C-alpha atoms as a PDB file:
ATOM      1  CA  UNK A   1      94.588 109.530 100.457  1.00  0.00           C
ATOM      2  CA  UNK A   2      96.823 110.500  97.616  1.00  0.00           C
ATOM      3  CA  UNK A   3      95.980 112.942  94.943  1.00  0.00           C
ATOM      4  CA  UNK A   4      94.998 112.282  91.355  1.00  0.00           C
ATOM      5  CA  UNK A   5      92.450 113.460  88.845  1.00  0.00           C
ATOM      6  CA  UNK A   6      92.184 114.667  85.272  1.00  0.00           C
ATOM      7  CA  UNK A   7      91.698 113.088  81.912  1.00  0.00           C
ATOM      8  CA  UNK A   8      93.837 109.995  82.564  1.00  0.00           C
ATOM      9  CA  UNK A   9      91.979 109.216  85.778  1.00  0.00           C
ATOM     10  CA  UNK A  10      88.644 109.604  83.986  1.00  0.00           C
ATOM     11  CA  UNK A  11      89.722 107.165  81.293  1.00  0.00           C
ATOM     12  CA  UNK A  12      90.933 104.678  83.908  1.00  0.00           C
ATOM     13  CA  UNK A  13      87.646 104.988  85.763  1.00  0.00           C
ATOM     14  CA  UNK A  14      85.615 104.407  82.605  1.00  0.00           C
ATOM     15  CA  UNK A  15      87.599 101.282  81.754  1.00  0.00           C
ATOM     16  CA  UNK A  16      87.391 100.033  85.327  1.00  0.00           C
ATOM     17  CA  UNK A  17      83.617 100.420  85.426  1.00  0.00           C
ATOM     18  CA  UNK A  18      83.321  98.654  82.070  1.00  0.00           C
ATOM     19  CA  UNK A  19      85.575  95.888  83.306  1.00  0.00           C
ATOM     20  CA  UNK A  20      83.632  95.205  86.498  1.00  0.00           C
ATOM     21  CA  UNK A  21      80.334  95.416  84.634  1.00  0.00           C
ATOM     22  CA  UNK A  22      81.473  92.734  82.200  1.00  0.00           C
ATOM     23  CA  UNK A  23      82.577  90.528  85.088  1.00  0.00           C
ATOM     24  CA  UNK A  24      79.215  90.997  86.759  1.00  0.00           C
ATOM     25  CA  UNK A  25      77.371  89.988  83.590  1.00  0.00           C
ATOM     26  CA  UNK A  26      79.534  86.956  82.798  1.00  0.00           C
ATOM     27  CA  UNK A  27      80.450  85.604  86.230  1.00  0.00           C
ATOM     28  CA  UNK A  28      77.705  86.666  88.615  1.00  0.00           C
ATOM     29  CA  UNK A  29      76.537  83.068  89.021  1.00  0.00           C
ATOM     30  CA  UNK A  30      79.925  82.026  90.436  1.00  0.00           C
ATOM     31  CA  UNK A  31      79.393  84.357  93.447  1.00  0.00           C
ATOM     32  CA  UNK A  32      83.072  85.274  93.206  1.00  0.00           C
ATOM     33  CA  UNK A  33      82.369  88.794  92.067  1.00  0.00           C
ATOM     34  CA  UNK A  34      80.363  90.715  94.604  1.00  0.00           C
ATOM     35  CA  UNK A  35      78.524  93.916  93.854  1.00  0.00           C
ATOM     36  CA  UNK A  36      75.759  95.747  95.636  1.00  0.00           C
ATOM     37  CA  UNK A  37      74.026  99.036  95.175  1.00  0.00           C
ATOM     38  CA  UNK A  38      73.310 101.208  98.184  1.00  0.00           C
ATOM     39  CA  UNK A  39      71.049 104.203  98.397  1.00  0.00           C
ATOM     40  CA  UNK A  40      72.066 107.505  96.858  1.00  0.00           C
ATOM     41  CA  UNK A  41      73.616 105.831  93.817  1.00  0.00           C
ATOM     42  CA  UNK A  42      76.660 104.552  95.684  1.00  0.00           C
ATOM     43  CA  UNK A  43      78.045 101.269  94.373  1.00  0.00           C
ATOM     44  CA  UNK A  44      80.326  98.862  96.250  1.00  0.00           C
ATOM     45  CA  UNK A  45      82.355  96.604  93.976  1.00  0.00           C
ATOM     46  CA  UNK A  46      84.726  93.865  95.149  1.00  0.00           C
ATOM     47  CA  UNK A  47      86.958  92.280  92.495  1.00  0.00           C
ATOM     48  CA  UNK A  48      86.996  88.739  93.832  1.00  0.00           C
ATOM     49  CA  UNK A  49      87.057  86.345  90.901  1.00  0.00           C
ATOM     50  CA  UNK A  50      89.872  84.402  92.565  1.00  0.00           C
ATOM     51  CA  UNK A  51      87.891  84.042  95.771  1.00  0.00           C
ATOM     52  CA  UNK A  52      90.733  85.490  97.826  1.00  0.00           C
ATOM     53  CA  UNK A  53      88.369  87.963  99.530  1.00  0.00           C
ATOM     54  CA  UNK A  54      85.773  85.378 100.535  1.00  0.00           C
ATOM     55  CA  UNK A  55      86.719  85.484 104.223  1.00  0.00           C
ATOM     56  CA  UNK A  56      86.406  89.277 104.484  1.00  0.00           C
ATOM     57  CA  UNK A  57      83.404  90.000 102.259  1.00  0.00           C
ATOM     58  CA  UNK A  58      81.056  90.469 105.199  1.00  0.00           C
ATOM     59  CA  UNK A  59      83.475  92.768 107.013  1.00  0.00           C
ATOM     60  CA  UNK A  60      83.941  94.905 103.919  1.00  0.00           C
ATOM     61  CA  UNK A  61      80.206  95.156 103.340  1.00  0.00           C
ATOM     62  CA  UNK A  62      79.347  96.034 106.947  1.00  0.00           C
ATOM     63  CA  UNK A  63      82.114  98.595 107.435  1.00  0.00           C
ATOM     64  CA  UNK A  64      81.572 100.216 104.041  1.00  0.00           C
ATOM     65  CA  UNK A  65      77.860 100.616 104.658  1.00  0.00           C
ATOM     66  CA  UNK A  66      78.654 102.060 108.098  1.00  0.00           C
ATOM     67  CA  UNK A  67      80.998 104.587 106.491  1.00  0.00           C
ATOM     68  CA  UNK A  68      78.391 105.585 103.911  1.00  0.00           C
ATOM     69  CA  UNK A  69      75.729 106.173 106.551  1.00  0.00           C
ATOM     70  CA  UNK A  70      78.115 108.172 108.761  1.00  0.00           C
ATOM     71  CA  UNK A  71      79.219 110.293 105.812  1.00  0.00           C
ATOM     72  CA  UNK A  72      75.631 110.994 104.839  1.00  0.00           C
ATOM     73  CA  UNK A  73      74.997 112.558 108.251  1.00  0.00           C
ATOM     74  CA  UNK A  74      77.555 115.255 107.395  1.00  0.00           C
ATOM     75  CA  UNK A  75      77.688 115.632 103.594  1.00  0.00           C
ATOM     76  CA  UNK A  76      75.449 114.833 100.634  1.00  0.00           C
ATOM     77  CA  UNK A  77      77.519 111.898  99.455  1.00  0.00           C
ATOM     78  CA  UNK A  78      76.229 110.338  96.231  1.00  0.00           C
ATOM     79  CA  UNK A  79      77.283 109.044  92.828  1.00  0.00           C
ATOM     80  CA  UNK A  80      80.373 107.154  93.969  1.00  0.00           C
ATOM     81  CA  UNK A  81      81.876 103.832  92.887  1.00  0.00           C
ATOM     82  CA  UNK A  82      83.799 102.159  95.722  1.00  0.00           C
ATOM     83  CA  UNK A  83      86.094  99.501  94.303  1.00  0.00           C
ATOM     84  CA  UNK A  84      88.029  96.949  96.369  1.00  0.00           C
ATOM     85  CA  UNK A  85      90.862  95.097  94.650  1.00  0.00           C
ATOM     86  CA  UNK A  86      93.926  93.034  95.485  1.00  0.00           C
ATOM     87  CA  UNK A  87      96.896  95.383  95.152  1.00  0.00           C
ATOM     88  CA  UNK A  88      99.468  94.956  97.961  1.00  0.00           C
ATOM     89  CA  UNK A  89     101.825  97.588  96.545  1.00  0.00           C
ATOM     90  CA  UNK A  90      99.332 100.383  97.263  1.00  0.00           C
ATOM     91  CA  UNK A  91      98.526  99.371 100.846  1.00  0.00           C
ATOM     92  CA  UNK A  92      99.611 100.821 104.189  1.00  0.00           C
ATOM     93  CA  UNK A  93     101.707  98.203 106.026  1.00  0.00           C
ATOM     94  CA  UNK A  94     100.124  98.628 109.460  1.00  0.00           C
ATOM     95  CA  UNK A  95      96.628  98.307 107.949  1.00  0.00           C
ATOM     96  CA  UNK A  96      96.838  95.888 105.054  1.00  0.00           C
ATOM     97  CA  UNK A  97      94.808  98.228 102.853  1.00  0.00           C
ATOM     98  CA  UNK A  98      95.055 101.727 101.448  1.00  0.00           C
ATOM     99  CA  UNK A  99      92.688 104.265  99.924  1.00  0.00           C
ATOM    100  CA  UNK A 100      92.958 106.402  96.802  1.00  0.00           C
ATOM    101  CA  UNK A 101      90.502 108.771  95.117  1.00  0.00           C
ATOM    102  CA  UNK A 102      91.481 109.237  91.457  1.00  0.00           C
ATOM    103  CA  UNK A 103      88.459 111.361  90.597  1.00  0.00           C
ATOM    104  CA  UNK A 104      85.316 112.849  92.083  1.00  0.00           C
ATOM    105  CA  UNK A 105      83.252 109.702  91.643  1.00  0.00           C
ATOM    106  CA  UNK A 106      85.653 106.841  92.381  1.00  0.00           C
ATOM    107  CA  UNK A 107      87.184 105.538  95.593  1.00  0.00           C
ATOM    108  CA  UNK A 108      89.661 102.694  95.281  1.00  0.00           C
ATOM    109  CA  UNK A 109      90.643 100.493  98.216  1.00  0.00           C
ATOM    110  CA  UNK A 110      93.693  98.303  97.647  1.00  0.00           C
ATOM    111  CA  UNK A 111      93.931  95.201  99.839  1.00  0.00           C
ATOM    112  CA  UNK A 112      96.756  92.857 100.848  1.00  0.00           C
ATOM    113  CA  UNK A 113      95.264  89.563 101.999  1.00  0.00           C
ATOM    114  CA  UNK A 114      98.678  88.376 103.234  1.00  0.00           C
ATOM    115  CA  UNK A 115      98.993  91.191 105.768  1.00  0.00           C
ATOM    116  CA  UNK A 116      98.550  89.930 109.323  1.00  0.00           C
ATOM    117  CA  UNK A 117      97.042  93.252 110.421  1.00  0.00           C
ATOM    118  CA  UNK A 118      94.272  93.234 107.822  1.00  0.00           C
ATOM    119  CA  UNK A 119      91.401  91.561 109.675  1.00  0.00           C
ATOM    120  CA  UNK A 120      91.672  93.768 112.757  1.00  0.00           C
ATOM    121  CA  UNK A 121      92.272  96.883 110.671  1.00  0.00           C
ATOM    122  CA  UNK A 122      89.105  96.312 108.632  1.00  0.00           C
ATOM    123  CA  UNK A 123      87.054  96.546 111.823  1.00  0.00           C
ATOM    124  CA  UNK A 124      89.015  99.420 113.342  1.00  0.00           C
ATOM    125  CA  UNK A 125      90.209 101.599 110.463  1.00  0.00           C
ATOM    126  CA  UNK A 126      88.316 100.919 107.222  1.00  0.00           C
ATOM    127  CA  UNK A 127      85.510 103.301 108.163  1.00  0.00           C
ATOM    128  CA  UNK A 128      88.046 106.080 108.836  1.00  0.00           C
ATOM    129  CA  UNK A 129      89.809 105.463 105.540  1.00  0.00           C
ATOM    130  CA  UNK A 130      86.573 105.505 103.555  1.00  0.00           C
ATOM    131  CA  UNK A 131      85.367 108.688 105.232  1.00  0.00           C
ATOM    132  CA  UNK A 132      88.703 110.307 104.416  1.00  0.00           C
ATOM    133  CA  UNK A 133      88.336 109.318 100.758  1.00  0.00           C
ATOM    134  CA  UNK A 134      84.678 110.389 100.632  1.00  0.00           C
ATOM    135  CA  UNK A 135      85.711 113.897 101.669  1.00  0.00           C
ATOM    136  CA  UNK A 136      88.297 113.901  98.877  1.00  0.00           C
ATOM    137  CA  UNK A 137      85.640 112.860  96.367  1.00  0.00           C
ATOM    138  CA  UNK A 138      83.310 115.683  97.377  1.00  0.00           C
ATOM    139  CA  UNK A 139      86.120 118.250  97.427  1.00  0.00           C
ATOM    140  CA  UNK A 140      87.193 117.162  93.943  1.00  0.00           C
ATOM    141  CA  UNK A 141      83.738 118.215  92.728  1.00  0.00           C
ATOM    142  CA  UNK A 142      84.405 121.828  93.659  1.00  0.00           C
ATOM    143  CA  UNK A 143      87.832 123.296  94.476  1.00  0.00           C
ATOM    144  CA  UNK A 144      89.715 120.081  93.705  1.00  0.00           C
ATOM    145  CA  UNK A 145      92.603 118.419  95.486  1.00  0.00           C
ATOM    146  CA  UNK A 146      95.002 121.195  94.554  1.00  0.00           C
ATOM    147  CA  UNK A 147      98.327 121.412  92.776  1.00  0.00           C
ATOM    148  CA  UNK A 148     100.417 123.177  95.412  1.00  0.00           C
ATOM    149  CA  UNK A 149     101.805 121.954  98.721  1.00  0.00           C
ATOM    150  CA  UNK A 150      99.520 124.156 100.791  1.00  0.00           C
ATOM    151  CA  UNK A 151      96.459 122.889  98.914  1.00  0.00           C
ATOM    152  CA  UNK A 152      97.502 119.280  99.467  1.00  0.00           C
ATOM    153  CA  UNK A 153      98.127 119.881 103.177  1.00  0.00           C
ATOM    154  CA  UNK A 154      94.715 121.468 103.682  1.00  0.00           C
ATOM    155  CA  UNK A 155      92.906 118.852 101.583  1.00  0.00           C
ATOM    156  CA  UNK A 156      94.425 115.989 103.571  1.00  0.00           C
ATOM    157  CA  UNK A 157      93.907 117.775 106.873  1.00  0.00           C
ATOM    158  CA  UNK A 158      90.245 118.372 106.111  1.00  0.00           C
ATOM    159  CA  UNK A 159      89.740 114.725 105.146  1.00  0.00           C
ATOM    160  CA  UNK A 160      91.252 113.481 108.397  1.00  0.00           C
ATOM    161  CA  UNK A 161      89.232 115.920 110.499  1.00  0.00           C
ATOM    162  CA  UNK A 162      86.107 114.853 108.629  1.00  0.00           C
ATOM    163  CA  UNK A 163      86.645 111.208 109.567  1.00  0.00           C
ATOM    164  CA  UNK A 164      86.934 112.243 113.224  1.00  0.00           C
ATOM    165  CA  UNK A 165      83.802 114.406 113.028  1.00  0.00           C
ATOM    166  CA  UNK A 166      81.771 111.645 111.417  1.00  0.00           C
ATOM    167  CA  UNK A 167      82.856 108.850 113.771  1.00  0.00           C
ATOM    168  CA  UNK A 168      83.455 110.773 116.969  1.00  0.00           C
ATOM    169  CA  UNK A 169      86.562 108.621 117.339  1.00  0.00           C
ATOM    170  CA  UNK A 170      90.295 109.174 117.592  1.00  0.00           C
ATOM    171  CA  UNK A 171      92.360 110.677 114.750  1.00  0.00           C
ATOM    172  CA  UNK A 172      94.151 108.383 112.321  1.00  0.00           C
ATOM    173  CA  UNK A 173      97.631 107.226 113.309  1.00  0.00           C
ATOM    174  CA  UNK A 174      99.334 109.186 110.529  1.00  0.00           C
ATOM    175  CA  UNK A 175      98.140 112.476 112.035  1.00  0.00           C
ATOM    176  CA  UNK A 176      99.695 111.734 115.424  1.00  0.00           C
ATOM    177  CA  UNK A 177     103.195 111.229 116.787  1.00  0.00           C
ATOM    178  CA  UNK A 178     104.392 114.840 116.531  1.00  0.00           C
ATOM    179  CA  UNK A 179     104.573 117.471 119.253  1.00  0.00           C
ATOM    180  CA  UNK A 180     103.189 120.950 118.644  1.00  0.00           C
ATOM    181  CA  UNK A 181     106.749 122.249 118.608  1.00  0.00           C
ATOM    182  CA  UNK A 182     107.717 119.754 115.912  1.00  0.00           C
ATOM    183  CA  UNK A 183     104.669 120.681 113.853  1.00  0.00           C
ATOM    184  CA  UNK A 184     105.381 124.402 114.177  1.00  0.00           C
ATOM    185  CA  UNK A 185     108.937 123.770 112.958  1.00  0.00           C
ATOM    186  CA  UNK A 186     107.612 121.673 110.079  1.00  0.00           C
ATOM    187  CA  UNK A 187     105.172 124.455 109.231  1.00  0.00           C
ATOM    188  CA  UNK A 188     108.073 126.900 108.884  1.00  0.00           C
ATOM    189  CA  UNK A 189     109.709 124.543 106.369  1.00  0.00           C
ATOM    190  CA  UNK A 190     106.441 124.083 104.523  1.00  0.00           C
ATOM    191  CA  UNK A 191     105.780 127.808 104.146  1.00  0.00           C
ATOM    192  CA  UNK A 192     108.833 128.082 101.911  1.00  0.00           C
ATOM    193  CA  UNK A 193     107.154 125.648  99.497  1.00  0.00           C
ATOM    194  CA  UNK A 194     103.488 126.458 100.043  1.00  0.00           C
ATOM    195  CA  UNK A 195     102.835 127.729  96.529  1.00  0.00           C
ATOM    196  CA  UNK A 196     105.103 125.349  94.657  1.00  0.00           C
ATOM    197  CA  UNK A 197     103.534 122.911  92.231  1.00  0.00           C
ATOM    198  CA  UNK A 198     106.756 120.935  91.885  1.00  0.00           C
ATOM    199  CA  UNK A 199     106.996 120.034  95.568  1.00  0.00           C
ATOM    200  CA  UNK A 200     107.695 116.374  96.355  1.00  0.00           C
ATOM    201  CA  UNK A 201     104.404 114.843  97.440  1.00  0.00           C
ATOM    202  CA  UNK A 202     106.212 111.596  98.268  1.00  0.00           C
ATOM    203  CA  UNK A 203     108.680 113.326 100.598  1.00  0.00           C
ATOM    204  CA  UNK A 204     106.151 115.534 102.337  1.00  0.00           C
ATOM    205  CA  UNK A 205     103.531 112.863 102.965  1.00  0.00           C
ATOM    206  CA  UNK A 206     105.475 109.617 103.111  1.00  0.00           C
ATOM    207  CA  UNK A 207     108.889 110.803 104.253  1.00  0.00           C
ATOM    208  CA  UNK A 208     112.212 111.370 102.535  1.00  0.00           C
ATOM    209  CA  UNK A 209     115.002 113.895 102.034  1.00  0.00           C
ATOM    210  CA  UNK A 210     114.917 114.926 105.670  1.00  0.00           C
ATOM    211  CA  UNK A 211     111.135 115.073 105.964  1.00  0.00           C
ATOM    212  CA  UNK A 212     109.455 112.684 108.439  1.00  0.00           C
ATOM    213  CA  UNK A 213     107.093 109.869 107.494  1.00  0.00           C
ATOM    214  CA  UNK A 214     103.453 111.046 107.514  1.00  0.00           C
ATOM    215  CA  UNK A 215     104.664 114.600 108.135  1.00  0.00           C
ATOM    216  CA  UNK A 216     102.333 116.151 105.571  1.00  0.00           C
ATOM    217  CA  UNK A 217      99.296 114.386 107.004  1.00  0.00           C
ATOM    218  CA  UNK A 218     100.132 115.451 110.559  1.00  0.00           C
ATOM    219  CA  UNK A 219     100.865 119.019 109.474  1.00  0.00           C
ATOM    220  CA  UNK A 220      97.661 119.260 107.442  1.00  0.00           C
ATOM    221  CA  UNK A 221      95.674 117.979 110.413  1.00  0.00           C
ATOM    222  CA  UNK A 222      97.422 120.544 112.619  1.00  0.00           C
ATOM    223  CA  UNK A 223      96.727 123.448 110.240  1.00  0.00           C
ATOM    224  CA  UNK A 224      93.045 122.597 109.858  1.00  0.00           C
ATOM    225  CA  UNK A 225      92.739 121.927 113.587  1.00  0.00           C
ATOM    226  CA  UNK A 226      93.986 125.427 114.415  1.00  0.00           C
ATOM    227  CA  UNK A 227      91.457 126.946 112.009  1.00  0.00           C
ATOM    228  CA  UNK A 228      88.584 124.931 113.474  1.00  0.00           C
ATOM    229  CA  UNK A 229      89.594 125.922 117.013  1.00  0.00           C
ATOM    230  CA  UNK A 230      89.512 129.587 116.004  1.00  0.00           C
ATOM    231  CA  UNK A 231      86.133 129.271 114.268  1.00  0.00           C
ATOM    232  CA  UNK A 232      83.628 127.549 116.574  1.00  0.00           C
ATOM    233  CA  UNK A 233      80.762 125.940 114.726  1.00  0.00           C
ATOM    234  CA  UNK A 234      82.753 125.451 111.529  1.00  0.00           C
ATOM    235  CA  UNK A 235      83.418 121.836 110.544  1.00  0.00           C
ATOM    236  CA  UNK A 236      85.572 119.980 108.068  1.00  0.00           C
ATOM    237  CA  UNK A 237      82.365 118.993 106.311  1.00  0.00           C
ATOM    238  CA  UNK A 238      81.351 122.642 105.890  1.00  0.00           C
ATOM    239  CA  UNK A 239      84.822 123.494 104.558  1.00  0.00           C
ATOM    240  CA  UNK A 240      84.628 120.903 101.800  1.00  0.00           C
ATOM    241  CA  UNK A 241      84.269 123.583  99.101  1.00  0.00           C
ATOM    242  CA  UNK A 242      86.542 126.231 100.637  1.00  0.00           C
ATOM    243  CA  UNK A 243      89.879 127.162  99.063  1.00  0.00           C
ATOM    244  CA  UNK A 244      93.009 126.294 101.036  1.00  0.00           C
ATOM    245  CA  UNK A 245      94.177 129.889 101.301  1.00  0.00           C
ATOM    246  CA  UNK A 246      90.936 130.877 103.022  1.00  0.00           C
ATOM    247  CA  UNK A 247      91.769 128.442 105.805  1.00  0.00           C
ATOM    248  CA  UNK A 248      95.246 129.932 106.218  1.00  0.00           C
ATOM    249  CA  UNK A 249      94.120 133.554 106.544  1.00  0.00           C
END
């Protein structure tokens, strides 16, 4: 959901994979660490040495496998580590979890077991979140997330449209709540910063300094939606490798 890649992310990923591998080798018999391998070289890893995830292991497994199969109907998803860990700070309050794709082969899902919304959200929203992150992972293998505001808007908009295409369901909450007039006004503000690399990602996507919460997600969804409406037959999946500026032409 948020951007991140580069050398630091690669190092973190390498250490994380080493870490979970060591746990698997030393503590597999305790059944506290759960790991499975799906088809297409996609690994699901749940860091559960404390046992705090015991009550949701089945839900995570079922919904993650559902997301993988749905994604595979649209894109050639492969070579991905999906890692679930306890990290309340990085979760979305109304969900109890949050997604992050630090590089093209890693999806991290942070979970807050103390969040009252978690159990319901796993059934209703985890698939959407994973599909969103899967699109990020595939886009990172080609054009990347992007360094400018316009690239971030398009990347997030594509990911949210992809989750809708794959599930056939409703858009994520963070893309809704704005009228077309409000989004057009927000687009005018965004155009002034489109090509800036020093834009505030926090303000644009999470709210601040006069910008509304989730504004960047809603605007990105709006921008991509207009392009898709004008190009019948084109999908967010097919635009995975397309530069942001091509979508704004």
